[in-house]
Amino acid sequence: MLGVRVKEGESFESAIRRFKKQCEKSGLLSELRKREFYEKPSLKRKRQKISARKRALKKMGRVR
């Protein structure tokens, strides 16, 4: 679980900023968005295949 302790003399806003940065780095929010609704295994595989194809095309574009 993520957590931030407010340091001596640190403002609340900067502590919130550090917490948000930790959440972003850990991928917590993106994981929550993915798990918000149930995704059937077949749709999950389909989404993964599409993203793999996009990555491959992007990588081939860089090579050329």
PDB file of N, CA and C in Angstrom:
ATOM      1  N   MET A   1       0.840  -1.184   0.000  1.00  0.00           N
ATOM      2  CA  MET A   1       0.000   0.000   0.000  1.00  0.00           C
ATOM      3  C   MET A   1       0.880   1.241   0.000  1.00  0.00           C
ATOM      4  N   LEU A   2       0.485   2.205  -0.769  1.00  0.00           N
ATOM      5  CA  LEU A   2       1.249   3.445  -0.878  1.00  0.00           C
ATOM      6  C   LEU A   2       0.932   4.361   0.296  1.00  0.00           C
ATOM      7  N   GLY A   3       1.922   5.130   0.672  1.00  0.00           N
ATOM      8  CA  GLY A   3       1.720   6.086   1.752  1.00  0.00           C
ATOM      9  C   GLY A   3       2.815   7.120   1.755  1.00  0.00           C
ATOM     10  N   VAL A   4       2.483   8.296   2.268  1.00  0.00           N
ATOM     11  CA  VAL A   4       3.445   9.386   2.330  1.00  0.00           C
ATOM     12  C   VAL A   4       3.352  10.004   3.716  1.00  0.00           C
ATOM     13  N   ARG A   5       4.486  10.180   4.335  1.00  0.00           N
ATOM     14  CA  ARG A   5       4.521  10.881   5.614  1.00  0.00           C
ATOM     15  C   ARG A   5       4.920  12.326   5.354  1.00  0.00           C
ATOM     16  N   VAL A   6       4.179  13.236   5.975  1.00  0.00           N
ATOM     17  CA  VAL A   6       4.475  14.656   5.805  1.00  0.00           C
ATOM     18  C   VAL A   6       5.723  14.971   6.610  1.00  0.00           C
ATOM     19  N   LYS A   7       6.735  15.512   5.921  1.00  0.00           N
ATOM     20  CA  LYS A   7       8.002  15.825   6.570  1.00  0.00           C
ATOM     21  C   LYS A   7       7.874  17.113   7.375  1.00  0.00           C
ATOM     22  N   GLU A   8       8.828  17.322   8.258  1.00  0.00           N
ATOM     23  CA  GLU A   8       8.858  18.524   9.092  1.00  0.00           C
ATOM     24  C   GLU A   8       8.961  19.755   8.197  1.00  0.00           C
ATOM     25  N   GLY A   9       8.023  20.667   8.341  1.00  0.00           N
ATOM     26  CA  GLY A   9       8.036  21.911   7.578  1.00  0.00           C
ATOM     27  C   GLY A   9       7.546  21.762   6.141  1.00  0.00           C
ATOM     28  N   GLU A  10       7.040  20.585   5.772  1.00  0.00           N
ATOM     29  CA  GLU A  10       6.562  20.361   4.408  1.00  0.00           C
ATOM     30  C   GLU A  10       5.087  20.721   4.320  1.00  0.00           C
ATOM     31  N   SER A  11       4.702  21.353   3.236  1.00  0.00           N
ATOM     32  CA  SER A  11       3.296  21.722   3.074  1.00  0.00           C
ATOM     33  C   SER A  11       2.482  20.491   2.674  1.00  0.00           C
ATOM     34  N   PHE A  12       1.203  20.578   2.937  1.00  0.00           N
ATOM     35  CA  PHE A  12       0.295  19.486   2.609  1.00  0.00           C
ATOM     36  C   PHE A  12       0.236  19.280   1.095  1.00  0.00           C
ATOM     37  N   GLU A  13       0.281  20.372   0.339  1.00  0.00           N
ATOM     38  CA  GLU A  13       0.203  20.290  -1.120  1.00  0.00           C
ATOM     39  C   GLU A  13       1.388  19.511  -1.706  1.00  0.00           C
ATOM     40  N   SER A  14       2.577  19.746  -1.160  1.00  0.00           N
ATOM     41  CA  SER A  14       3.738  19.019  -1.681  1.00  0.00           C
ATOM     42  C   SER A  14       3.669  17.535  -1.308  1.00  0.00           C
ATOM     43  N   ALA A  15       3.092  17.223  -0.151  1.00  0.00           N
ATOM     44  CA  ALA A  15       2.921  15.821   0.236  1.00  0.00           C
ATOM     45  C   ALA A  15       1.927  15.137  -0.707  1.00  0.00           C
ATOM     46  N   ILE A  16       0.858  15.842  -1.049  1.00  0.00           N
ATOM     47  CA  ILE A  16      -0.127  15.302  -1.995  1.00  0.00           C
ATOM     48  C   ILE A  16       0.535  15.078  -3.355  1.00  0.00           C
ATOM     49  N   ARG A  17       1.379  16.018  -3.776  1.00  0.00           N
ATOM     50  CA  ARG A  17       2.085  15.907  -5.049  1.00  0.00           C
ATOM     51  C   ARG A  17       2.980  14.669  -5.053  1.00  0.00           C
ATOM     52  N   ARG A  18       3.694  14.426  -3.936  1.00  0.00           N
ATOM     53  CA  ARG A  18       4.549  13.238  -3.839  1.00  0.00           C
ATOM     54  C   ARG A  18       3.719  11.965  -3.904  1.00  0.00           C
ATOM     55  N   PHE A  19       2.561  11.977  -3.229  1.00  0.00           N
ATOM     56  CA  PHE A  19       1.687  10.809  -3.228  1.00  0.00           C
ATOM     57  C   PHE A  19       1.176  10.518  -4.637  1.00  0.00           C
ATOM     58  N   LYS A  20       0.761  11.554  -5.346  1.00  0.00           N
ATOM     59  CA  LYS A  20       0.264  11.367  -6.710  1.00  0.00           C
ATOM     60  C   LYS A  20       1.361  10.813  -7.614  1.00  0.00           C
ATOM     61  N   LYS A  21       2.584  11.283  -7.413  1.00  0.00           N
ATOM     62  CA  LYS A  21       3.711  10.805  -8.215  1.00  0.00           C
ATOM     63  C   LYS A  21       3.967   9.326  -7.931  1.00  0.00           C
ATOM     64  N   GLN A  22       3.862   8.922  -6.659  1.00  0.00           N
ATOM     65  CA  GLN A  22       4.047   7.512  -6.305  1.00  0.00           C
ATOM     66  C   GLN A  22       2.968   6.651  -6.953  1.00  0.00           C
ATOM     67  N   CYS A  23       1.722   7.139  -6.927  1.00  0.00           N
ATOM     68  CA  CYS A  23       0.620   6.397  -7.544  1.00  0.00           C
ATOM     69  C   CYS A  23       0.863   6.231  -9.039  1.00  0.00           C
ATOM     70  N   GLU A  24       1.323   7.289  -9.691  1.00  0.00           N
ATOM     71  CA  GLU A  24       1.591   7.243 -11.124  1.00  0.00           C
ATOM     72  C   GLU A  24       2.701   6.244 -11.438  1.00  0.00           C
ATOM     73  N   LYS A  25       3.775   6.257 -10.652  1.00  0.00           N
ATOM     74  CA  LYS A  25       4.902   5.346 -10.886  1.00  0.00           C
ATOM     75  C   LYS A  25       4.504   3.887 -10.679  1.00  0.00           C
ATOM     76  N   SER A  26       3.681   3.623  -9.683  1.00  0.00           N
ATOM     77  CA  SER A  26       3.319   2.242  -9.384  1.00  0.00           C
ATOM     78  C   SER A  26       2.276   1.689 -10.352  1.00  0.00           C
ATOM     79  N   GLY A  27       1.590   2.566 -11.091  1.00  0.00           N
ATOM     80  CA  GLY A  27       0.572   2.108 -12.032  1.00  0.00           C
ATOM     81  C   GLY A  27      -0.722   1.733 -11.353  1.00  0.00           C
ATOM     82  N   LEU A  28      -0.942   2.232 -10.160  1.00  0.00           N
ATOM     83  CA  LEU A  28      -2.123   1.883  -9.383  1.00  0.00           C
ATOM     84  C   LEU A  28      -3.403   2.343 -10.071  1.00  0.00           C
ATOM     85  N   LEU A  29      -3.443   3.577 -10.538  1.00  0.00           N
ATOM     86  CA  LEU A  29      -4.663   4.106 -11.141  1.00  0.00           C
ATOM     87  C   LEU A  29      -4.999   3.401 -12.449  1.00  0.00           C
ATOM     88  N   SER A  30      -4.001   3.114 -13.264  1.00  0.00           N
ATOM     89  CA  SER A  30      -4.278   2.413 -14.522  1.00  0.00           C
ATOM     90  C   SER A  30      -4.792   1.002 -14.238  1.00  0.00           C
ATOM     91  N   GLU A  31      -4.255   0.379 -13.214  1.00  0.00           N
ATOM     92  CA  GLU A  31      -4.720  -0.960 -12.831  1.00  0.00           C
ATOM     93  C   GLU A  31      -6.167  -0.907 -12.345  1.00  0.00           C
ATOM     94  N   LEU A  32      -6.508   0.112 -11.576  1.00  0.00           N
ATOM     95  CA  LEU A  32      -7.884   0.258 -11.103  1.00  0.00           C
ATOM     96  C   LEU A  32      -8.841   0.483 -12.264  1.00  0.00           C
ATOM     97  N   ARG A  33      -8.436   1.288 -13.232  1.00  0.00           N
ATOM     98  CA  ARG A  33      -9.293   1.537 -14.395  1.00  0.00           C
ATOM     99  C   ARG A  33      -9.501   0.256 -15.192  1.00  0.00           C
ATOM    100  N   LYS A  34      -8.453  -0.568 -15.304  1.00  0.00           N
ATOM    101  CA  LYS A  34      -8.591  -1.829 -16.034  1.00  0.00           C
ATOM    102  C   LYS A  34      -9.548  -2.771 -15.317  1.00  0.00           C
ATOM    103  N   ARG A  35      -9.509  -2.761 -13.996  1.00  0.00           N
ATOM    104  CA  ARG A  35     -10.314  -3.707 -13.222  1.00  0.00           C
ATOM    105  C   ARG A  35     -11.671  -3.153 -12.803  1.00  0.00           C
ATOM    106  N   GLU A  36     -12.017  -1.974 -13.292  1.00  0.00           N
ATOM    107  CA  GLU A  36     -13.283  -1.356 -12.891  1.00  0.00           C
ATOM    108  C   GLU A  36     -14.472  -2.226 -13.300  1.00  0.00           C
ATOM    109  N   PHE A  37     -14.396  -2.817 -14.508  1.00  0.00           N
ATOM    110  CA  PHE A  37     -15.457  -3.675 -15.002  1.00  0.00           C
ATOM    111  C   PHE A  37     -14.847  -5.014 -15.391  1.00  0.00           C
ATOM    112  N   TYR A  38     -15.654  -6.063 -15.304  1.00  0.00           N
ATOM    113  CA  TYR A  38     -15.167  -7.388 -15.680  1.00  0.00           C
ATOM    114  C   TYR A  38     -14.955  -7.434 -17.184  1.00  0.00           C
ATOM    115  N   GLU A  39     -13.849  -8.004 -17.589  1.00  0.00           N
ATOM    116  CA  GLU A  39     -13.541  -8.163 -19.007  1.00  0.00           C
ATOM    117  C   GLU A  39     -13.432  -9.653 -19.302  1.00  0.00           C
ATOM    118  N   LYS A  40     -14.240 -10.102 -20.250  1.00  0.00           N
ATOM    119  CA  LYS A  40     -14.214 -11.516 -20.596  1.00  0.00           C
ATOM    120  C   LYS A  40     -12.831 -11.897 -21.106  1.00  0.00           C
ATOM    121  N   PRO A  41     -12.402 -13.129 -20.806  1.00  0.00           N
ATOM    122  CA  PRO A  41     -11.068 -13.557 -21.234  1.00  0.00           C
ATOM    123  C   PRO A  41     -10.846 -13.440 -22.742  1.00  0.00           C
ATOM    124  N   SER A  42     -11.882 -13.714 -23.536  1.00  0.00           N
ATOM    125  CA  SER A  42     -11.719 -13.615 -24.992  1.00  0.00           C
ATOM    126  C   SER A  42     -11.484 -12.170 -25.415  1.00  0.00           C
ATOM    127  N   LEU A  43     -12.177 -11.219 -24.791  1.00  0.00           N
ATOM    128  CA  LEU A  43     -11.985  -9.802 -25.114  1.00  0.00           C
ATOM    129  C   LEU A  43     -10.629  -9.310 -24.632  1.00  0.00           C
ATOM    130  N   LYS A  44     -10.178  -9.880 -23.516  1.00  0.00           N
ATOM    131  CA  LYS A  44      -8.863  -9.512 -22.987  1.00  0.00           C
ATOM    132  C   LYS A  44      -7.765  -9.948 -23.956  1.00  0.00           C
ATOM    133  N   ARG A  45      -7.870 -11.191 -24.457  1.00  0.00           N
ATOM    134  CA  ARG A  45      -6.897 -11.690 -25.429  1.00  0.00           C
ATOM    135  C   ARG A  45      -6.924 -10.857 -26.709  1.00  0.00           C
ATOM    136  N   LYS A  46      -8.125 -10.500 -27.141  1.00  0.00           N
ATOM    137  CA  LYS A  46      -8.261  -9.698 -28.355  1.00  0.00           C
ATOM    138  C   LYS A  46      -7.593  -8.336 -28.175  1.00  0.00           C
ATOM    139  N   ARG A  47      -7.806  -7.708 -27.026  1.00  0.00           N
ATOM    140  CA  ARG A  47      -7.205  -6.405 -26.744  1.00  0.00           C
ATOM    141  C   ARG A  47      -5.682  -6.522 -26.702  1.00  0.00           C
ATOM    142  N   GLN A  48      -5.175  -7.591 -26.103  1.00  0.00           N
ATOM    143  CA  GLN A  48      -3.732  -7.799 -26.024  1.00  0.00           C
ATOM    144  C   GLN A  48      -3.124  -8.025 -27.403  1.00  0.00           C
ATOM    145  N   LYS A  49      -3.827  -8.773 -28.278  1.00  0.00           N
ATOM    146  CA  LYS A  49      -3.328  -8.996 -29.635  1.00  0.00           C
ATOM    147  C   LYS A  49      -3.263  -7.685 -30.408  1.00  0.00           C
ATOM    148  N   ILE A  50      -4.287  -6.861 -30.260  1.00  0.00           N
ATOM    149  CA  ILE A  50      -4.311  -5.573 -30.960  1.00  0.00           C
ATOM    150  C   ILE A  50      -3.176  -4.685 -30.479  1.00  0.00           C
ATOM    151  N   SER A  51      -2.956  -4.648 -29.168  1.00  0.00           N
ATOM    152  CA  SER A  51      -1.876  -3.802 -28.648  1.00  0.00           C
ATOM    153  C   SER A  51      -0.507  -4.343 -29.069  1.00  0.00           C
ATOM    154  N   ALA A  52      -0.364  -5.659 -29.150  1.00  0.00           N
ATOM    155  CA  ALA A  52       0.901  -6.242 -29.603  1.00  0.00           C
ATOM    156  C   ALA A  52       1.152  -5.889 -31.064  1.00  0.00           C
ATOM    157  N   ARG A  53       0.114  -5.926 -31.871  1.00  0.00           N
ATOM    158  CA  ARG A  53       0.247  -5.573 -33.282  1.00  0.00           C
ATOM    159  C   ARG A  53       0.642  -4.105 -33.426  1.00  0.00           C
ATOM    160  N   LYS A  54       0.028  -3.229 -32.618  1.00  0.00           N
ATOM    161  CA  LYS A  54       0.365  -1.802 -32.663  1.00  0.00           C
ATOM    162  C   LYS A  54       1.817  -1.575 -32.257  1.00  0.00           C
ATOM    163  N   ARG A  55       2.271  -2.281 -31.214  1.00  0.00           N
ATOM    164  CA  ARG A  55       3.667  -2.151 -30.783  1.00  0.00           C
ATOM    165  C   ARG A  55       4.623  -2.602 -31.882  1.00  0.00           C
ATOM    166  N   ALA A  56       4.285  -3.721 -32.537  1.00  0.00           N
ATOM    167  CA  ALA A  56       5.144  -4.250 -33.598  1.00  0.00           C
ATOM    168  C   ALA A  56       5.219  -3.271 -34.765  1.00  0.00           C
ATOM    169  N   LEU A  57       4.075  -2.704 -35.154  1.00  0.00           N
ATOM    170  CA  LEU A  57       4.070  -1.740 -36.253  1.00  0.00           C
ATOM    171  C   LEU A  57       4.858  -0.491 -35.886  1.00  0.00           C
ATOM    172  N   LYS A  58       4.731  -0.065 -34.657  1.00  0.00           N
ATOM    173  CA  LYS A  58       5.462   1.115 -34.195  1.00  0.00           C
ATOM    174  C   LYS A  58       6.966   0.838 -34.219  1.00  0.00           C
ATOM    175  N   LYS A  59       7.349  -0.366 -33.786  1.00  0.00           N
ATOM    176  CA  LYS A  59       8.764  -0.739 -33.765  1.00  0.00           C
ATOM    177  C   LYS A  59       9.317  -0.843 -35.184  1.00  0.00           C
ATOM    178  N   MET A  60       8.538  -1.390 -36.104  1.00  0.00           N
ATOM    179  CA  MET A  60       8.973  -1.489 -37.496  1.00  0.00           C
ATOM    180  C   MET A  60       9.116  -0.103 -38.115  1.00  0.00           C
ATOM    181  N   GLY A  61       8.280   0.810 -37.730  1.00  0.00           N
ATOM    182  CA  GLY A  61       8.361   2.175 -38.234  1.00  0.00           C
ATOM    183  C   GLY A  61       9.643   2.846 -37.808  1.00  0.00           C
ATOM    184  N   ARG A  62      10.122   2.536 -36.616  1.00  0.00           N
ATOM    185  CA  ARG A  62      11.375   3.106 -36.114  1.00  0.00           C
ATOM    186  C   ARG A  62      12.574   2.541 -36.860  1.00  0.00           C
ATOM    187  N   VAL A  63      12.507   1.270 -37.248  1.00  0.00           N
ATOM    188  CA  VAL A  63      13.629   0.592 -37.882  1.00  0.00           C
ATOM    189  C   VAL A  63      13.869   1.149 -39.285  1.00  0.00           C
ATOM    190  N   ARG A  64      12.809   1.451 -39.991  1.00  0.00           N
ATOM    191  CA  ARG A  64      12.931   1.923 -41.381  1.00  0.00           C
ATOM    192  C   ARG A  64      13.683   3.189 -41.493  1.00  0.00           C
TER     193      ARG A  64
END
